[in-house]
Amino acid sequence: MSCVAASKALQKMRRNPVGWRIEELQMIAEANLVEWRKPGRGGSHVIFTAPGVREIVSVPSRRPMKPVYIKKFLALVDAAGEVARS
């Protein structure tokens, strides 16, 4: 997806942290300098990291995704943006 779609999805996510899919988080991550990976052996989580950011966010792939994971993901995206700007 395009950066515009990712930006709109990020704005929507900030307004409402309920009802998101892991694919949407991955799209937003790729557009915001956040890396993601699935752990080996078919794990049920996706790990999000960002260069220069100490925090690591592990998000379960299953639905429904709890808002606490979305809030942690948003904090990581914000931190990655701060590092990129400095």
N, C-alpha and C. Protein backbone atom coordinates (compact mmCIF):
# COMPACT_ATOMS: atom_id res chain seq x y z
N MET A 1 0.83 -1.19 0.00
CA MET A 1 0.00 0.00 0.00
C MET A 1 0.87 1.25 0.00
N SER A 2 0.25 2.33 -0.33
CA SER A 2 0.99 3.58 -0.44
C SER A 2 1.20 4.23 0.93
N CYS A 3 2.11 5.19 0.94
CA CYS A 3 2.37 5.94 2.17
C CYS A 3 1.14 6.73 2.61
N VAL A 4 0.36 7.19 1.64
CA VAL A 4 -0.86 7.95 1.96
C VAL A 4 -1.85 7.05 2.69
N ALA A 5 -2.02 5.83 2.20
CA ALA A 5 -2.93 4.88 2.86
C ALA A 5 -2.43 4.55 4.26
N ALA A 6 -1.12 4.37 4.40
CA ALA A 6 -0.55 4.06 5.72
C ALA A 6 -0.73 5.24 6.66
N SER A 7 -0.57 6.45 6.16
CA SER A 7 -0.74 7.65 6.98
C SER A 7 -2.18 7.79 7.45
N LYS A 8 -3.13 7.54 6.56
CA LYS A 8 -4.54 7.61 6.94
C LYS A 8 -4.89 6.53 7.95
N ALA A 9 -4.33 5.33 7.75
CA ALA A 9 -4.59 4.23 8.69
C ALA A 9 -4.00 4.56 10.06
N LEU A 10 -2.83 5.19 10.08
CA LEU A 10 -2.20 5.57 11.35
C LEU A 10 -3.06 6.59 12.09
N GLN A 11 -3.58 7.57 11.38
CA GLN A 11 -4.46 8.57 12.00
C GLN A 11 -5.71 7.91 12.57
N LYS A 12 -6.27 6.98 11.81
CA LYS A 12 -7.46 6.26 12.26
C LYS A 12 -7.15 5.42 13.50
N MET A 13 -5.97 4.80 13.50
CA MET A 13 -5.56 3.97 14.63
C MET A 13 -5.41 4.81 15.90
N ARG A 14 -4.90 6.03 15.75
CA ARG A 14 -4.75 6.91 16.91
C ARG A 14 -6.11 7.27 17.51
N ARG A 15 -7.12 7.43 16.65
CA ARG A 15 -8.46 7.77 17.13
C ARG A 15 -9.19 6.59 17.75
N ASN A 16 -8.94 5.39 17.20
CA ASN A 16 -9.66 4.21 17.67
C ASN A 16 -8.74 2.99 17.65
N PRO A 17 -8.23 2.57 18.81
CA PRO A 17 -7.29 1.44 18.86
C PRO A 17 -7.96 0.06 18.85
N VAL A 18 -9.19 -0.02 18.41
CA VAL A 18 -9.93 -1.29 18.43
C VAL A 18 -10.18 -1.77 17.00
N GLY A 19 -10.05 -3.08 16.79
CA GLY A 19 -10.46 -3.68 15.53
C GLY A 19 -9.39 -3.73 14.44
N TRP A 20 -8.12 -3.75 14.80
CA TRP A 20 -7.05 -3.74 13.81
C TRP A 20 -6.52 -5.15 13.54
N ARG A 21 -6.02 -5.35 12.32
CA ARG A 21 -5.42 -6.63 11.93
C ARG A 21 -3.91 -6.48 11.87
N ILE A 22 -3.21 -7.58 12.04
CA ILE A 22 -1.75 -7.55 12.05
C ILE A 22 -1.20 -7.05 10.71
N GLU A 23 -1.88 -7.34 9.61
CA GLU A 23 -1.43 -6.87 8.30
C GLU A 23 -1.44 -5.34 8.22
N GLU A 24 -2.39 -4.73 8.89
CA GLU A 24 -2.47 -3.26 8.90
C GLU A 24 -1.31 -2.68 9.71
N LEU A 25 -0.97 -3.32 10.82
CA LEU A 25 0.18 -2.86 11.61
C LEU A 25 1.47 -2.99 10.80
N GLN A 26 1.60 -4.08 10.07
CA GLN A 26 2.79 -4.28 9.25
C GLN A 26 2.89 -3.21 8.16
N MET A 27 1.78 -2.85 7.54
CA MET A 27 1.77 -1.81 6.51
C MET A 27 2.20 -0.47 7.11
N ILE A 28 1.65 -0.13 8.26
CA ILE A 28 1.98 1.13 8.93
C ILE A 28 3.45 1.13 9.34
N ALA A 29 3.92 -0.01 9.84
CA ALA A 29 5.32 -0.12 10.27
C ALA A 29 6.27 0.15 9.10
N GLU A 30 6.02 -0.47 7.97
CA GLU A 30 6.89 -0.32 6.81
C GLU A 30 6.96 1.13 6.33
N ALA A 31 5.87 1.86 6.46
CA ALA A 31 5.83 3.25 6.03
C ALA A 31 6.45 4.20 7.05
N ASN A 32 6.76 3.70 8.27
CA ASN A 32 7.23 4.57 9.34
C ASN A 32 8.55 4.13 9.95
N LEU A 33 9.40 3.50 9.15
CA LEU A 33 10.75 3.10 9.57
C LEU A 33 10.76 2.12 10.73
N VAL A 34 9.72 1.34 10.86
CA VAL A 34 9.64 0.31 11.90
C VAL A 34 9.76 -1.04 11.20
N GLU A 35 10.65 -1.87 11.73
CA GLU A 35 10.86 -3.20 11.15
C GLU A 35 9.98 -4.20 11.87
N TRP A 36 9.63 -5.27 11.17
CA TRP A 36 8.84 -6.33 11.80
C TRP A 36 9.34 -7.68 11.34
N ARG A 37 9.13 -8.66 12.22
CA ARG A 37 9.50 -10.03 11.89
C ARG A 37 8.63 -10.98 12.68
N LYS A 38 8.49 -12.17 12.13
CA LYS A 38 7.80 -13.24 12.85
C LYS A 38 8.87 -14.13 13.44
N PRO A 39 8.72 -14.51 14.70
CA PRO A 39 9.73 -15.39 15.29
C PRO A 39 9.74 -16.75 14.60
N GLY A 40 10.86 -17.44 14.73
CA GLY A 40 11.00 -18.76 14.11
C GLY A 40 10.01 -19.77 14.66
N ARG A 41 9.89 -20.86 13.96
CA ARG A 41 9.01 -21.98 14.34
C ARG A 41 7.54 -21.61 14.40
N GLY A 42 7.11 -20.72 13.54
CA GLY A 42 5.68 -20.42 13.45
C GLY A 42 5.06 -19.82 14.68
N GLY A 43 5.74 -18.88 15.32
CA GLY A 43 5.21 -18.23 16.51
C GLY A 43 3.92 -17.47 16.22
N SER A 44 3.18 -17.18 17.25
CA SER A 44 1.89 -16.53 17.08
C SER A 44 1.96 -15.01 17.24
N HIS A 45 3.17 -14.46 17.38
CA HIS A 45 3.34 -13.02 17.56
C HIS A 45 4.16 -12.44 16.41
N VAL A 46 4.06 -11.14 16.25
CA VAL A 46 4.91 -10.40 15.33
C VAL A 46 5.70 -9.41 16.19
N ILE A 47 7.01 -9.34 15.94
CA ILE A 47 7.89 -8.48 16.72
C ILE A 47 8.18 -7.22 15.91
N PHE A 48 7.95 -6.05 16.53
CA PHE A 48 8.21 -4.76 15.89
C PHE A 48 9.38 -4.09 16.60
N THR A 49 10.34 -3.60 15.82
CA THR A 49 11.50 -2.87 16.34
C THR A 49 11.79 -1.69 15.43
N ALA A 50 12.58 -0.75 15.94
CA ALA A 50 12.99 0.40 15.12
C ALA A 50 14.44 0.72 15.43
N PRO A 51 15.24 1.02 14.41
CA PRO A 51 16.64 1.38 14.63
C PRO A 51 16.74 2.60 15.54
N GLY A 52 17.59 2.51 16.55
CA GLY A 52 17.78 3.62 17.47
C GLY A 52 16.76 3.70 18.59
N VAL A 53 15.82 2.76 18.63
CA VAL A 53 14.78 2.76 19.67
C VAL A 53 14.97 1.50 20.51
N ARG A 54 15.04 1.67 21.80
CA ARG A 54 15.31 0.55 22.69
C ARG A 54 14.11 -0.40 22.83
N GLU A 55 12.90 0.11 22.79
CA GLU A 55 11.71 -0.69 23.00
C GLU A 55 11.49 -1.68 21.86
N ILE A 56 10.98 -2.84 22.23
CA ILE A 56 10.56 -3.87 21.28
C ILE A 56 9.11 -4.17 21.61
N VAL A 57 8.26 -4.23 20.59
CA VAL A 57 6.85 -4.49 20.81
C VAL A 57 6.50 -5.83 20.16
N SER A 58 5.96 -6.72 20.97
CA SER A 58 5.52 -8.02 20.50
C SER A 58 3.99 -8.02 20.49
N VAL A 59 3.42 -8.27 19.31
CA VAL A 59 1.96 -8.19 19.14
C VAL A 59 1.44 -9.56 18.69
N PRO A 60 0.42 -10.09 19.37
CA PRO A 60 -0.15 -11.37 18.93
C PRO A 60 -0.86 -11.20 17.58
N SER A 61 -0.72 -12.19 16.73
CA SER A 61 -1.32 -12.12 15.39
C SER A 61 -2.81 -12.39 15.38
N ARG A 62 -3.30 -12.96 16.42
CA ARG A 62 -4.72 -13.36 16.41
C ARG A 62 -5.62 -12.15 16.69
N ARG A 63 -6.88 -12.34 16.34
CA ARG A 63 -7.88 -11.31 16.60
C ARG A 63 -8.81 -11.81 17.67
N PRO A 64 -9.46 -11.02 18.46
CA PRO A 64 -9.34 -9.56 18.47
C PRO A 64 -8.04 -9.11 19.13
N MET A 65 -7.47 -8.06 18.60
CA MET A 65 -6.22 -7.50 19.12
C MET A 65 -6.58 -6.48 20.19
N LYS A 66 -6.02 -6.64 21.36
CA LYS A 66 -6.35 -5.74 22.47
C LYS A 66 -5.76 -4.35 22.24
N PRO A 67 -6.48 -3.31 22.68
CA PRO A 67 -6.01 -1.93 22.50
C PRO A 67 -4.64 -1.65 23.12
N VAL A 68 -4.28 -2.38 24.17
CA VAL A 68 -2.98 -2.14 24.81
C VAL A 68 -1.83 -2.40 23.83
N TYR A 69 -1.98 -3.38 22.95
CA TYR A 69 -0.94 -3.66 21.95
C TYR A 69 -0.87 -2.54 20.92
N ILE A 70 -2.01 -2.00 20.55
CA ILE A 70 -2.04 -0.90 19.58
C ILE A 70 -1.37 0.33 20.18
N LYS A 71 -1.63 0.60 21.44
CA LYS A 71 -1.02 1.77 22.10
C LYS A 71 0.49 1.63 22.18
N LYS A 72 0.98 0.42 22.48
CA LYS A 72 2.43 0.19 22.52
C LYS A 72 3.03 0.33 21.12
N PHE A 73 2.32 -0.16 20.11
CA PHE A 73 2.78 -0.04 18.73
C PHE A 73 2.86 1.44 18.33
N LEU A 74 1.85 2.22 18.67
CA LEU A 74 1.85 3.65 18.35
C LEU A 74 3.01 4.37 19.03
N ALA A 75 3.31 3.99 20.27
CA ALA A 75 4.44 4.60 20.97
C ALA A 75 5.75 4.28 20.25
N LEU A 76 5.89 3.06 19.74
CA LEU A 76 7.08 2.68 18.99
C LEU A 76 7.18 3.47 17.69
N VAL A 77 6.08 3.62 16.98
CA VAL A 77 6.07 4.41 15.73
C VAL A 77 6.48 5.86 16.03
N ASP A 78 5.96 6.43 17.11
CA ASP A 78 6.30 7.80 17.50
C ASP A 78 7.78 7.91 17.83
N ALA A 79 8.31 6.94 18.58
CA ALA A 79 9.72 6.95 18.94
C ALA A 79 10.61 6.82 17.71
N ALA A 80 10.21 5.99 16.76
CA ALA A 80 10.98 5.84 15.52
C ALA A 80 10.98 7.14 14.73
N GLY A 81 9.87 7.85 14.74
CA GLY A 81 9.78 9.14 14.07
C GLY A 81 10.69 10.18 14.72
N GLU A 82 10.77 10.17 16.05
CA GLU A 82 11.64 11.08 16.77
C GLU A 82 13.11 10.83 16.43
N VAL A 83 13.50 9.56 16.39
CA VAL A 83 14.88 9.20 16.07
C VAL A 83 15.21 9.63 14.64
N ALA A 84 14.28 9.44 13.74
CA ALA A 84 14.50 9.80 12.33
C ALA A 84 14.66 11.30 12.16
N ARG A 85 13.94 12.07 12.96
CA ARG A 85 14.01 13.53 12.84
C ARG A 85 15.27 14.11 13.48
N SER A 86 15.88 13.37 14.40
CA SER A 86 17.07 13.93 15.08
C SER A 86 18.36 13.62 14.39
